[in-house]
C-alpha atoms as a PDB file:
ATOM      1  CA  MET A   1     121.034  84.784 118.936  1.00  0.00           C
ATOM      2  CA  ASP A   2     123.861  82.055 119.567  1.00  0.00           C
ATOM      3  CA  ASN A   3     125.308  81.185 115.427  1.00  0.00           C
ATOM      4  CA  ASP A   4     125.388  77.418 116.297  1.00  0.00           C
ATOM      5  CA  MET A   5     122.176  76.311 116.379  1.00  0.00           C
ATOM      6  CA  ASN A   6     121.732  74.016 113.266  1.00  0.00           C
ATOM      7  CA  HIS A   7     119.539  75.934 111.594  1.00  0.00           C
ATOM      8  CA  GLN A   8     117.946  72.128 109.158  1.00  0.00           C
ATOM      9  CA  ARG A   9     116.353  71.325 113.074  1.00  0.00           C
ATOM     10  CA  THR A  10     115.776  74.438 115.288  1.00  0.00           C
ATOM     11  CA  ILE A  11     111.998  75.039 114.905  1.00  0.00           C
ATOM     12  CA  GLY A  12     111.023  79.545 114.550  1.00  0.00           C
ATOM     13  CA  VAL A  13     108.243  80.856 116.502  1.00  0.00           C
ATOM     14  CA  ILE A  14     107.603  84.271 115.795  1.00  0.00           C
ATOM     15  CA  GLY A  15     106.359  86.344 118.590  1.00  0.00           C
ATOM     16  CA  ALA A  16     106.320  86.027 122.771  1.00  0.00           C
ATOM     17  CA  GLY A  17     103.413  86.404 123.558  1.00  0.00           C
ATOM     18  CA  ALA A  18     102.183  83.572 126.003  1.00  0.00           C
ATOM     19  CA  TRP A  19     100.979  81.790 122.952  1.00  0.00           C
ATOM     20  CA  GLY A  20     103.762  81.933 121.284  1.00  0.00           C
ATOM     21  CA  THR A  21     105.914  81.456 124.795  1.00  0.00           C
ATOM     22  CA  ALA A  22     103.814  78.502 125.159  1.00  0.00           C
ATOM     23  CA  LEU A  23     104.188  76.655 121.517  1.00  0.00           C
ATOM     24  CA  ALA A  24     107.996  77.531 121.960  1.00  0.00           C
ATOM     25  CA  GLN A  25     108.096  75.218 125.105  1.00  0.00           C
ATOM     26  CA  MET A  26     106.406  72.467 123.886  1.00  0.00           C
ATOM     27  CA  LEU A  27     108.698  72.739 121.232  1.00  0.00           C
ATOM     28  CA  ALA A  28     111.837  72.485 123.040  1.00  0.00           C
ATOM     29  CA  SER A  29     110.326  69.746 125.430  1.00  0.00           C
ATOM     30  CA  ASP A  30     111.922  66.970 123.390  1.00  0.00           C
ATOM     31  CA  GLY A  31     115.302  69.304 123.635  1.00  0.00           C
ATOM     32  CA  ARG A  32     114.893  70.883 120.793  1.00  0.00           C
ATOM     33  CA  ASP A  33     116.459  74.347 119.884  1.00  0.00           C
ATOM     34  CA  VAL A  34     113.926  76.834 118.944  1.00  0.00           C
ATOM     35  CA  ALA A  35     114.423  80.522 117.264  1.00  0.00           C
ATOM     36  CA  ILE A  36     111.184  82.334 119.397  1.00  0.00           C
ATOM     37  CA  TRP A  37     111.333  86.784 117.982  1.00  0.00           C
ATOM     38  CA  ALA A  38     110.067  88.859 120.566  1.00  0.00           C
ATOM     39  CA  PHE A  39     109.011  92.250 119.808  1.00  0.00           C
ATOM     40  CA  GLU A  40     110.078  93.708 123.274  1.00  0.00           C
ATOM     41  CA  PRO A  41     113.760  94.025 123.978  1.00  0.00           C
ATOM     42  CA  ASP A  42     112.850  93.374 127.208  1.00  0.00           C
ATOM     43  CA  VAL A  43     111.193  89.897 126.660  1.00  0.00           C
ATOM     44  CA  VAL A  44     114.329  88.913 124.331  1.00  0.00           C
ATOM     45  CA  GLU A  45     116.738  89.476 127.191  1.00  0.00           C
ATOM     46  CA  THR A  46     114.979  88.131 130.094  1.00  0.00           C
ATOM     47  CA  ILE A  47     114.250  85.375 127.852  1.00  0.00           C
ATOM     48  CA  ASN A  48     117.623  84.836 126.676  1.00  0.00           C
ATOM     49  CA  THR A  49     118.887  85.476 130.649  1.00  0.00           C
ATOM     50  CA  ALA A  50     116.207  83.717 133.654  1.00  0.00           C
ATOM     51  CA  HIS A  51     114.590  81.368 130.669  1.00  0.00           C
ATOM     52  CA  ARG A  52     111.341  83.076 131.765  1.00  0.00           C
ATOM     53  CA  ASN A  53     108.543  85.271 129.958  1.00  0.00           C
ATOM     54  CA  PRO A  54     107.044  86.809 133.225  1.00  0.00           C
ATOM     55  CA  GLN A  55     104.840  89.523 130.770  1.00  0.00           C
ATOM     56  CA  TYR A  56     103.160  87.391 128.948  1.00  0.00           C
ATOM     57  CA  LEU A  57     103.294  83.338 130.574  1.00  0.00           C
ATOM     58  CA  PRO A  58     104.701  83.924 134.216  1.00  0.00           C
ATOM     59  CA  SER A  59     104.016  80.279 135.396  1.00  0.00           C
ATOM     60  CA  ALA A  60     106.379  78.539 132.938  1.00  0.00           C
ATOM     61  CA  THR A  61     110.213  78.337 133.495  1.00  0.00           C
ATOM     62  CA  LEU A  62     111.709  78.022 129.361  1.00  0.00           C
ATOM     63  CA  ALA A  63     113.388  75.702 128.277  1.00  0.00           C
ATOM     64  CA  PRO A  64     117.683  76.164 127.913  1.00  0.00           C
ATOM     65  CA  THR A  65     116.718  75.103 123.886  1.00  0.00           C
ATOM     66  CA  ILE A  66     114.431  77.857 124.102  1.00  0.00           C
ATOM     67  CA  ARG A  67     116.544  81.367 121.854  1.00  0.00           C
ATOM     68  CA  ALA A  68     115.028  84.571 121.762  1.00  0.00           C
ATOM     69  CA  THR A  69     116.182  87.382 118.695  1.00  0.00           C
ATOM     70  CA  GLY A  70     114.630  91.036 117.644  1.00  0.00           C
ATOM     71  CA  ASN A  71     115.469  90.687 114.927  1.00  0.00           C
ATOM     72  CA  LEU A  72     113.843  89.174 112.433  1.00  0.00           C
ATOM     73  CA  ASP A  73     116.801  87.679 110.489  1.00  0.00           C
ATOM     74  CA  ASP A  74     117.707  85.485 112.515  1.00  0.00           C
ATOM     75  CA  LEU A  75     115.309  82.944 111.412  1.00  0.00           C
ATOM     76  CA  ALA A  76     116.640  82.889 107.563  1.00  0.00           C
ATOM     77  CA  GLY A  77     117.172  79.541 106.633  1.00  0.00           C
ATOM     78  CA  ILE A  78     114.881  77.739 109.755  1.00  0.00           C
ATOM     79  CA  GLN A  79     112.633  75.509 106.917  1.00  0.00           C
ATOM     80  CA  THR A  80     109.806  75.326 110.054  1.00  0.00           C
ATOM     81  CA  VAL A  81     108.148  78.776 111.491  1.00  0.00           C
ATOM     82  CA  LEU A  82     104.947  79.257 112.966  1.00  0.00           C
ATOM     83  CA  VAL A  83     103.492  82.682 113.490  1.00  0.00           C
ATOM     84  CA  VAL A  84     101.962  83.871 116.380  1.00  0.00           C
ATOM     85  CA  THR A  85     101.618  87.409 115.844  1.00  0.00           C
ATOM     86  CA  PRO A  86      97.982  89.636 117.172  1.00  0.00           C
ATOM     87  CA  ALA A  87      96.423  88.577 113.279  1.00  0.00           C
ATOM     88  CA  GLN A  88      96.020  92.630 113.277  1.00  0.00           C
ATOM     89  CA  VAL A  89      99.976  92.893 112.176  1.00  0.00           C
ATOM     90  CA  LEU A  90     100.749  89.402 110.874  1.00  0.00           C
ATOM     91  CA  GLY A  91     101.580  90.377 107.202  1.00  0.00           C
ATOM     92  CA  LYS A  92     103.196  93.493 108.293  1.00  0.00           C
ATOM     93  CA  VAL A  93     105.164  91.086 110.655  1.00  0.00           C
ATOM     94  CA  LEU A  94     106.350  88.553 108.087  1.00  0.00           C
ATOM     95  CA  GLY A  95     107.075  91.077 105.997  1.00  0.00           C
ATOM     96  CA  GLY A  96     110.104  92.330 107.301  1.00  0.00           C
ATOM     97  CA  LEU A  97     111.509  88.610 106.754  1.00  0.00           C
ATOM     98  CA  THR A  98     114.382  88.574 104.584  1.00  0.00           C
ATOM     99  CA  GLN A  99     113.559  85.273 103.188  1.00  0.00           C
ATOM    100  CA  ALA A 100     110.951  82.720 103.064  1.00  0.00           C
ATOM    101  CA  PRO A 101     110.876  79.059 105.259  1.00  0.00           C
ATOM    102  CA  ARG A 102     109.618  76.526 103.452  1.00  0.00           C
ATOM    103  CA  ASP A 103     106.634  75.525 106.160  1.00  0.00           C
ATOM    104  CA  LEU A 104     104.933  78.982 107.522  1.00  0.00           C
ATOM    105  CA  VAL A 105     102.704  77.884 110.311  1.00  0.00           C
ATOM    106  CA  LEU A 106      99.883  79.814 111.527  1.00  0.00           C
ATOM    107  CA  CYS A 107      98.284  80.403 114.862  1.00  0.00           C
ATOM    108  CA  SER A 108      97.012  83.846 115.240  1.00  0.00           C
ATOM    109  CA  LYS A 109      93.172  84.084 114.562  1.00  0.00           C
ATOM    110  CA  GLY A 110      91.445  86.576 113.046  1.00  0.00           C
ATOM    111  CA  ILE A 111      90.216  88.572 110.212  1.00  0.00           C
ATOM    112  CA  GLU A 112      92.803  91.716 108.698  1.00  0.00           C
ATOM    113  CA  ALA A 113      91.069  94.532 109.798  1.00  0.00           C
ATOM    114  CA  GLY A 114      89.716  97.231 105.847  1.00  0.00           C
ATOM    115  CA  THR A 115      91.186  93.735 103.681  1.00  0.00           C
ATOM    116  CA  GLU A 116      88.655  90.975 105.095  1.00  0.00           C
ATOM    117  CA  ARG A 117      91.088  88.509 104.364  1.00  0.00           C
ATOM    118  CA  LEU A 118      91.087  85.219 106.292  1.00  0.00           C
ATOM    119  CA  MET A 119      95.812  84.915 107.637  1.00  0.00           C
ATOM    120  CA  ASN A 120      96.295  82.647 105.031  1.00  0.00           C
ATOM    121  CA  ASP A 121      94.710  84.532 101.816  1.00  0.00           C
ATOM    122  CA  VAL A 122      97.496  87.686 104.430  1.00  0.00           C
ATOM    123  CA  ALA A 123     100.690  85.582 104.722  1.00  0.00           C
ATOM    124  CA  ARG A 124     100.450  84.227 101.158  1.00  0.00           C
ATOM    125  CA  ASP A 125     100.860  87.917 100.150  1.00  0.00           C
ATOM    126  CA  ALA A 126     103.748  88.573 101.868  1.00  0.00           C
ATOM    127  CA  ALA A 127     105.589  85.673 102.159  1.00  0.00           C
ATOM    128  CA  GLN A 128     105.828  84.481  98.970  1.00  0.00           C
ATOM    129  CA  GLY A 129     107.562  81.290  98.211  1.00  0.00           C
ATOM    130  CA  SER A 130     106.761  79.749 101.852  1.00  0.00           C
ATOM    131  CA  GLN A 131     103.456  76.734 102.317  1.00  0.00           C
ATOM    132  CA  ILE A 132     100.846  78.040 103.697  1.00  0.00           C
ATOM    133  CA  ALA A 133      99.664  75.072 106.904  1.00  0.00           C
ATOM    134  CA  VAL A 134      97.664  76.673 109.929  1.00  0.00           C
ATOM    135  CA  LEU A 135      96.900  75.064 113.701  1.00  0.00           C
ATOM    136  CA  SER A 136      94.144  75.412 115.475  1.00  0.00           C
ATOM    137  CA  GLY A 137      92.359  74.083 118.295  1.00  0.00           C
ATOM    138  CA  PRO A 138      91.574  74.354 122.218  1.00  0.00           C
ATOM    139  CA  THR A 139      94.127  75.595 123.767  1.00  0.00           C
ATOM    140  CA  PHE A 140      95.065  77.485 126.952  1.00  0.00           C
ATOM    141  CA  ALA A 141      98.621  78.522 126.315  1.00  0.00           C
ATOM    142  CA  HIS A 142      99.100  77.549 130.382  1.00  0.00           C
ATOM    143  CA  GLU A 143      98.197  74.449 130.067  1.00  0.00           C
ATOM    144  CA  VAL A 144      99.911  73.652 127.079  1.00  0.00           C
ATOM    145  CA  ALA A 145     103.220  75.195 128.414  1.00  0.00           C
ATOM    146  CA  ALA A 146     103.337  73.053 131.506  1.00  0.00           C
ATOM    147  CA  GLY A 147     102.903  69.602 129.384  1.00  0.00           C
ATOM    148  CA  LEU A 148      99.328  69.406 129.820  1.00  0.00           C
ATOM    149  CA  PRO A 149      97.780  66.802 127.025  1.00  0.00           C
ATOM    150  CA  THR A 150      95.648  68.820 124.231  1.00  0.00           C
ATOM    151  CA  ALA A 151      95.088  68.033 120.272  1.00  0.00           C
ATOM    152  CA  VAL A 152      94.855  70.774 117.533  1.00  0.00           C
ATOM    153  CA  THR A 153      93.793  70.839 114.334  1.00  0.00           C
ATOM    154  CA  LEU A 154      96.653  71.195 111.627  1.00  0.00           C
ATOM    155  CA  ALA A 155      95.491  71.720 108.417  1.00  0.00           C
ATOM    156  CA  CYS A 156      97.761  71.918 105.406  1.00  0.00           C
ATOM    157  CA  GLU A 157      97.308  73.265 102.089  1.00  0.00           C
ATOM    158  CA  GLY A 158     100.215  71.377 100.483  1.00  0.00           C
ATOM    159  CA  GLY A 159      98.070  68.316 101.378  1.00  0.00           C
ATOM    160  CA  THR A 160      99.685  65.051 103.197  1.00  0.00           C
ATOM    161  CA  GLU A 161     102.865  65.856 101.705  1.00  0.00           C
ATOM    162  CA  GLN A 162     103.100  68.764 103.789  1.00  0.00           C
ATOM    163  CA  TRP A 163     101.518  66.850 106.752  1.00  0.00           C
ATOM    164  CA  ASP A 164     104.033  64.294 106.798  1.00  0.00           C
ATOM    165  CA  ARG A 165     106.330  67.135 107.156  1.00  0.00           C
ATOM    166  CA  LEU A 166     105.692  68.824 109.804  1.00  0.00           C
ATOM    167  CA  SER A 167     103.611  66.384 112.015  1.00  0.00           C
ATOM    168  CA  PRO A 168     106.858  65.160 112.983  1.00  0.00           C
ATOM    169  CA  ALA A 169     108.068  68.147 113.982  1.00  0.00           C
ATOM    170  CA  ILE A 170     104.913  69.589 115.948  1.00  0.00           C
ATOM    171  CA  ALA A 171     103.531  66.689 117.248  1.00  0.00           C
ATOM    172  CA  ARG A 172     105.102  66.274 121.268  1.00  0.00           C
ATOM    173  CA  PRO A 173     103.759  63.191 123.551  1.00  0.00           C
ATOM    174  CA  ALA A 174     100.836  65.525 124.701  1.00  0.00           C
ATOM    175  CA  PHE A 175     100.591  67.490 122.144  1.00  0.00           C
ATOM    176  CA  ARG A 176      98.554  65.764 119.250  1.00  0.00           C
ATOM    177  CA  PRO A 177      97.889  67.351 115.448  1.00  0.00           C
ATOM    178  CA  TYR A 178      95.371  65.477 113.403  1.00  0.00           C
ATOM    179  CA  TYR A 179      95.072  65.597 110.408  1.00  0.00           C
ATOM    180  CA  SER A 180      93.212  68.542 107.776  1.00  0.00           C
ATOM    181  CA  ASP A 181      92.979  70.100 103.996  1.00  0.00           C
ATOM    182  CA  ASP A 182      90.589  73.010 105.288  1.00  0.00           C
ATOM    183  CA  VAL A 183      92.689  75.738 105.808  1.00  0.00           C
ATOM    184  CA  THR A 184      89.946  78.038 104.968  1.00  0.00           C
ATOM    185  CA  GLY A 185      87.452  76.024 107.511  1.00  0.00           C
ATOM    186  CA  ALA A 186      90.537  76.225 110.437  1.00  0.00           C
ATOM    187  CA  GLU A 187      90.689  79.323 109.792  1.00  0.00           C
ATOM    188  CA  ILE A 188      87.458  80.295 110.537  1.00  0.00           C
ATOM    189  CA  GLY A 189      86.316  78.232 113.287  1.00  0.00           C
ATOM    190  CA  GLY A 190      89.054  79.783 115.150  1.00  0.00           C
ATOM    191  CA  SER A 191      88.408  83.758 114.044  1.00  0.00           C
ATOM    192  CA  ILE A 192      84.404  82.660 114.942  1.00  0.00           C
ATOM    193  CA  LYS A 193      85.024  81.131 118.074  1.00  0.00           C
ATOM    194  CA  ASN A 194      86.396  84.467 119.715  1.00  0.00           C
ATOM    195  CA  VAL A 195      83.500  86.791 118.932  1.00  0.00           C
ATOM    196  CA  LEU A 196      81.538  83.726 120.360  1.00  0.00           C
ATOM    197  CA  ALA A 197      83.701  83.802 123.250  1.00  0.00           C
ATOM    198  CA  ILE A 198      83.215  87.765 124.314  1.00  0.00           C
ATOM    199  CA  ALA A 199      79.484  86.742 123.292  1.00  0.00           C
ATOM    200  CA  CYS A 200      79.506  84.025 126.437  1.00  0.00           C
ATOM    201  CA  GLY A 201      81.727  86.966 128.927  1.00  0.00           C
ATOM    202  CA  VAL A 202      78.887  89.002 129.090  1.00  0.00           C
ATOM    203  CA  VAL A 203      76.376  86.550 128.927  1.00  0.00           C
ATOM    204  CA  ASP A 204      78.588  85.624 132.956  1.00  0.00           C
ATOM    205  CA  GLY A 205      78.708  89.418 133.981  1.00  0.00           C
ATOM    206  CA  LEU A 206      75.033  89.810 133.232  1.00  0.00           C
ATOM    207  CA  GLU A 207      74.629  86.939 135.274  1.00  0.00           C
ATOM    208  CA  LEU A 208      72.324  85.316 133.102  1.00  0.00           C
ATOM    209  CA  GLY A 209      72.705  81.684 134.149  1.00  0.00           C
ATOM    210  CA  GLN A 210      74.399  78.444 132.528  1.00  0.00           C
ATOM    211  CA  ASN A 211      71.182  77.481 130.553  1.00  0.00           C
ATOM    212  CA  ALA A 212      71.788  80.895 128.965  1.00  0.00           C
ATOM    213  CA  ARG A 213      75.278  80.031 127.943  1.00  0.00           C
ATOM    214  CA  ALA A 214      74.593  77.058 126.512  1.00  0.00           C
ATOM    215  CA  ALA A 215      72.325  78.364 123.758  1.00  0.00           C
ATOM    216  CA  LEU A 216      75.275  80.977 122.767  1.00  0.00           C
ATOM    217  CA  ILE A 217      77.299  78.221 121.991  1.00  0.00           C
ATOM    218  CA  ALA A 218      74.885  76.103 119.799  1.00  0.00           C
ATOM    219  CA  ARG A 219      73.472  79.122 117.957  1.00  0.00           C
ATOM    220  CA  GLY A 220      77.620  80.752 118.321  1.00  0.00           C
ATOM    221  CA  TYR A 221      77.447  77.548 116.425  1.00  0.00           C
ATOM    222  CA  ALA A 222      74.932  77.837 113.919  1.00  0.00           C
ATOM    223  CA  GLU A 223      76.236  81.217 112.878  1.00  0.00           C
ATOM    224  CA  MET A 224      79.958  79.824 113.015  1.00  0.00           C
ATOM    225  CA  LEU A 225      78.474  76.880 110.454  1.00  0.00           C
ATOM    226  CA  ARG A 226      76.898  79.654 108.109  1.00  0.00           C
ATOM    227  CA  PHE A 227      79.638  82.430 107.970  1.00  0.00           C
ATOM    228  CA  GLY A 228      82.012  78.576 107.038  1.00  0.00           C
ATOM    229  CA  GLY A 229      79.903  77.220 104.328  1.00  0.00           C
ATOM    230  CA  GLU A 230      79.504  80.906 102.705  1.00  0.00           C
ATOM    231  CA  LEU A 231      83.599  81.090 102.237  1.00  0.00           C
ATOM    232  CA  GLY A 232      84.004  77.366 101.349  1.00  0.00           C
ATOM    233  CA  ALA A 233      84.730  75.525 105.025  1.00  0.00           C
ATOM    234  CA  ARG A 234      83.600  72.224 105.297  1.00  0.00           C
ATOM    235  CA  ALA A 235      81.203  71.371 108.043  1.00  0.00           C
ATOM    236  CA  GLU A 236      83.313  68.902 109.446  1.00  0.00           C
ATOM    237  CA  THR A 237      85.963  70.827 110.204  1.00  0.00           C
ATOM    238  CA  LEU A 238      83.701  73.265 111.708  1.00  0.00           C
ATOM    239  CA  ALA A 239      82.411  70.348 113.882  1.00  0.00           C
ATOM    240  CA  GLY A 240      86.645  69.185 114.874  1.00  0.00           C
ATOM    241  CA  LEU A 241      88.743  70.745 117.217  1.00  0.00           C
ATOM    242  CA  CYS A 242      89.248  74.195 115.784  1.00  0.00           C
ATOM    243  CA  GLY A 243      85.670  74.898 115.651  1.00  0.00           C
ATOM    244  CA  LEU A 244      83.359  73.699 117.787  1.00  0.00           C
ATOM    245  CA  GLY A 245      86.156  72.297 120.096  1.00  0.00           C
ATOM    246  CA  ASP A 246      87.611  75.465 120.716  1.00  0.00           C
ATOM    247  CA  LEU A 247      83.756  77.491 121.259  1.00  0.00           C
ATOM    248  CA  VAL A 248      83.352  75.205 123.613  1.00  0.00           C
ATOM    249  CA  LEU A 249      86.501  75.550 125.796  1.00  0.00           C
ATOM    250  CA  THR A 250      86.795  78.818 125.353  1.00  0.00           C
ATOM    251  CA  CYS A 251      83.153  80.031 126.112  1.00  0.00           C
ATOM    252  CA  SER A 252      83.895  78.456 129.378  1.00  0.00           C
ATOM    253  CA  SER A 253      86.657  79.904 130.821  1.00  0.00           C
ATOM    254  CA  THR A 254      88.546  83.219 132.248  1.00  0.00           C
ATOM    255  CA  SER A 255      91.416  81.699 131.086  1.00  0.00           C
ATOM    256  CA  SER A 256      89.843  82.925 127.996  1.00  0.00           C
ATOM    257  CA  ARG A 257      91.360  86.370 126.917  1.00  0.00           C
ATOM    258  CA  ASN A 258      87.546  86.961 125.075  1.00  0.00           C
ATOM    259  CA  PHE A 259      85.591  85.225 127.448  1.00  0.00           C
ATOM    260  CA  SER A 260      87.144  87.319 130.412  1.00  0.00           C
ATOM    261  CA  LEU A 261      86.717  90.733 127.660  1.00  0.00           C
ATOM    262  CA  GLY A 262      83.459  89.879 127.345  1.00  0.00           C
ATOM    263  CA  LYS A 263      82.663  89.304 131.563  1.00  0.00           C
ATOM    264  CA  ALA A 264      84.024  92.492 132.605  1.00  0.00           C
ATOM    265  CA  LEU A 265      82.250  94.452 130.559  1.00  0.00           C
ATOM    266  CA  GLY A 266      79.061  92.548 131.091  1.00  0.00           C
ATOM    267  CA  GLU A 267      79.884  93.748 134.485  1.00  0.00           C
ATOM    268  CA  GLY A 268      79.670  96.935 133.270  1.00  0.00           C
ATOM    269  CA  LYS A 269      82.981  97.474 132.956  1.00  0.00           C
ATOM    270  CA  ASN A 270      84.200 100.613 129.378  1.00  0.00           C
ATOM    271  CA  ALA A 271      85.493  98.494 126.199  1.00  0.00           C
ATOM    272  CA  THR A 272      87.394 101.507 125.085  1.00  0.00           C
ATOM    273  CA  GLU A 273      89.354 101.082 128.723  1.00  0.00           C
ATOM    274  CA  LEU A 274      89.117  97.942 128.601  1.00  0.00           C
ATOM    275  CA  MET A 275      90.369  97.301 125.678  1.00  0.00           C
ATOM    276  CA  ALA A 276      94.129  99.682 126.380  1.00  0.00           C
ATOM    277  CA  ASP A 277      94.440  98.108 129.625  1.00  0.00           C
ATOM    278  CA  ARG A 278      95.094  94.503 128.674  1.00  0.00           C
ATOM    279  CA  THR A 279      98.690  93.455 128.171  1.00  0.00           C
ATOM    280  CA  THR A 280      97.224  90.061 125.730  1.00  0.00           C
ATOM    281  CA  VAL A 281      95.233  90.822 122.682  1.00  0.00           C
ATOM    282  CA  ALA A 282      91.777  89.494 123.331  1.00  0.00           C
ATOM    283  CA  GLU A 283      91.594  89.079 118.707  1.00  0.00           C
ATOM    284  CA  GLY A 284      87.960  88.843 118.925  1.00  0.00           C
ATOM    285  CA  ALA A 285      87.499  92.361 119.835  1.00  0.00           C
ATOM    286  CA  HIS A 286      88.968  93.277 116.344  1.00  0.00           C
ATOM    287  CA  THR A 287      87.530  90.318 114.950  1.00  0.00           C
ATOM    288  CA  ALA A 288      84.038  91.309 115.696  1.00  0.00           C
ATOM    289  CA  PRO A 289      83.318  94.581 113.472  1.00  0.00           C
ATOM    290  CA  VAL A 290      85.539  93.269 110.182  1.00  0.00           C
ATOM    291  CA  LEU A 291      83.107  89.760 110.378  1.00  0.00           C
ATOM    292  CA  ALA A 292      79.684  91.192 110.903  1.00  0.00           C
ATOM    293  CA  GLN A 293      80.571  94.100 107.879  1.00  0.00           C
ATOM    294  CA  LEU A 294      81.871  91.040 106.090  1.00  0.00           C
ATOM    295  CA  ALA A 295      79.029  88.773 106.905  1.00  0.00           C
ATOM    296  CA  SER A 296      76.141  91.584 105.711  1.00  0.00           C
ATOM    297  CA  LYS A 297      77.914  91.872 102.553  1.00  0.00           C
ATOM    298  CA  ARG A 298      77.498  88.258 102.221  1.00  0.00           C
ATOM    299  CA  GLY A 299      73.845  88.330 103.466  1.00  0.00           C
ATOM    300  CA  ILE A 300      74.969  85.646 106.310  1.00  0.00           C
ATOM    301  CA  ALA A 301      72.298  85.998 109.728  1.00  0.00           C
ATOM    302  CA  MET A 302      74.945  86.772 112.585  1.00  0.00           C
ATOM    303  CA  PRO A 303      73.163  87.999 114.849  1.00  0.00           C
ATOM    304  CA  ILE A 304      75.013  87.223 118.174  1.00  0.00           C
ATOM    305  CA  VAL A 305      78.321  88.672 116.559  1.00  0.00           C
ATOM    306  CA  ASP A 306      76.203  91.514 115.218  1.00  0.00           C
ATOM    307  CA  ALA A 307      75.444  91.949 119.322  1.00  0.00           C
ATOM    308  CA  VAL A 308      78.939  91.569 120.424  1.00  0.00           C
ATOM    309  CA  ASN A 309      80.017  93.742 117.782  1.00  0.00           C
ATOM    310  CA  THR A 310      77.213  96.250 119.181  1.00  0.00           C
ATOM    311  CA  ILE A 311      78.785  96.319 122.867  1.00  0.00           C
ATOM    312  CA  LEU A 312      82.357  96.706 121.815  1.00  0.00           C
ATOM    313  CA  SER A 313      80.752  99.906 119.906  1.00  0.00           C
ATOM    314  CA  GLY A 314      79.185 101.639 123.336  1.00  0.00           C
ATOM    315  CA  ALA A 315      75.721 100.097 123.543  1.00  0.00           C
ATOM    316  CA  ASN A 316      74.392  98.765 126.874  1.00  0.00           C
ATOM    317  CA  PRO A 317      74.917  95.082 127.287  1.00  0.00           C
ATOM    318  CA  ARG A 318      71.672  94.267 129.098  1.00  0.00           C
ATOM    319  CA  ASP A 319      70.285  96.257 126.541  1.00  0.00           C
ATOM    320  CA  VAL A 320      71.121  94.170 123.607  1.00  0.00           C
ATOM    321  CA  VAL A 321      70.381  90.490 124.987  1.00  0.00           C
ATOM    322  CA  ALA A 322      66.768  91.606 125.339  1.00  0.00           C
ATOM    323  CA  GLY A 323      66.553  92.423 121.370  1.00  0.00           C
ATOM    324  CA  LEU A 324      68.255  89.052 120.782  1.00  0.00           C
ATOM    325  CA  LEU A 325      66.169  87.921 123.198  1.00  0.00           C
ATOM    326  CA  ALA A 326      62.996  89.571 121.242  1.00  0.00           C
ATOM    327  CA  ARG A 327      63.407  88.113 117.925  1.00  0.00           C
ATOM    328  CA  PRO A 328      61.245  86.468 115.781  1.00  0.00           C
ATOM    329  CA  LEU A 329      60.704  82.790 116.892  1.00  0.00           C
ATOM    330  CA  LYS A 330      61.818  80.206 113.573  1.00  0.00           C
ATOM    331  CA  ALA A 331      62.722  77.258 113.049  1.00  0.00           C
ATOM    332  CA  GLU A 332      66.957  75.267 114.129  1.00  0.00           C
ATOM    333  CA  GLN A 333      68.162  74.362 111.199  1.00  0.00           C
ATOM    334  CA  THR A 334      71.548  76.387 110.664  1.00  0.00           C
ATOM    335  CA  ASP A 335      71.106  77.398 107.750  1.00  0.00           C
ATOM    336  CA  ALA A 336      68.207  79.725 108.377  1.00  0.00           C
ATOM    337  CA  GLN A 337      68.511  83.429 108.187  1.00  0.00           C
END
């Protein structure tokens, strides 16, 4: 990487998939230097020589102030770093940092398998000394990269002091963050909506209609509120951009990796083959089993999440949906078990 980058002004991005590349492009839109770490050497080379990332974000021509590297040491000294790795490898990647940044902004959505930890807990252990924030909301990577209007939640564990540092660094004319200090709520909304998006994709693949999809979104949101409340998330956080907003977006478009995975499952394709063949990660497929297990341990009713987990395990989607519809009738309150 070029040594003449001003590390006090540079923003770092760890992860050069579609979302990481889109965030780098958005951050560079005002001429700011952005250092992006990529796992694949060919992605590093193509970003630096052709200003493109055809493997993950083929629609975008990248700003010349974005410089890619395969060496995490090149991010040492950068004070604000966005982490956009797949959730299941976040801890391992952050463990390779030789110097923890002042602010670590988590943009990955999921729950760590095995430990059942949210990403902020994983990051806090792996990058001790960093202050954690979570960026989450209704975002399709190709739209952010194209400069289309986008609003997100930026949840800061350091409160307004951290917000005052981060918001000017991250906000752009078409990219508007809203403040929260509910890091747990921001993470839970982003994690659960991925699983629910798979469910909505299944409904679409089975051609069950828009009524069914709307009902699933509403009842899925009730599951999100139940789970979030148990883990200490605030209901108003989950009613915002990082919860309901993100849920509506990803449950209604094949631009969502999770929705498109569910649609393929509903159409009869094999889950194992689909997961092996996907270039980009559908995080909901990794989150579903750990979320279902965690909910069961805590006695939280999440029948839609359970259904997705069952389908991902190989069950017939039509049979699973029939089982959901056959559940006993009950009141609509979100806290009903």
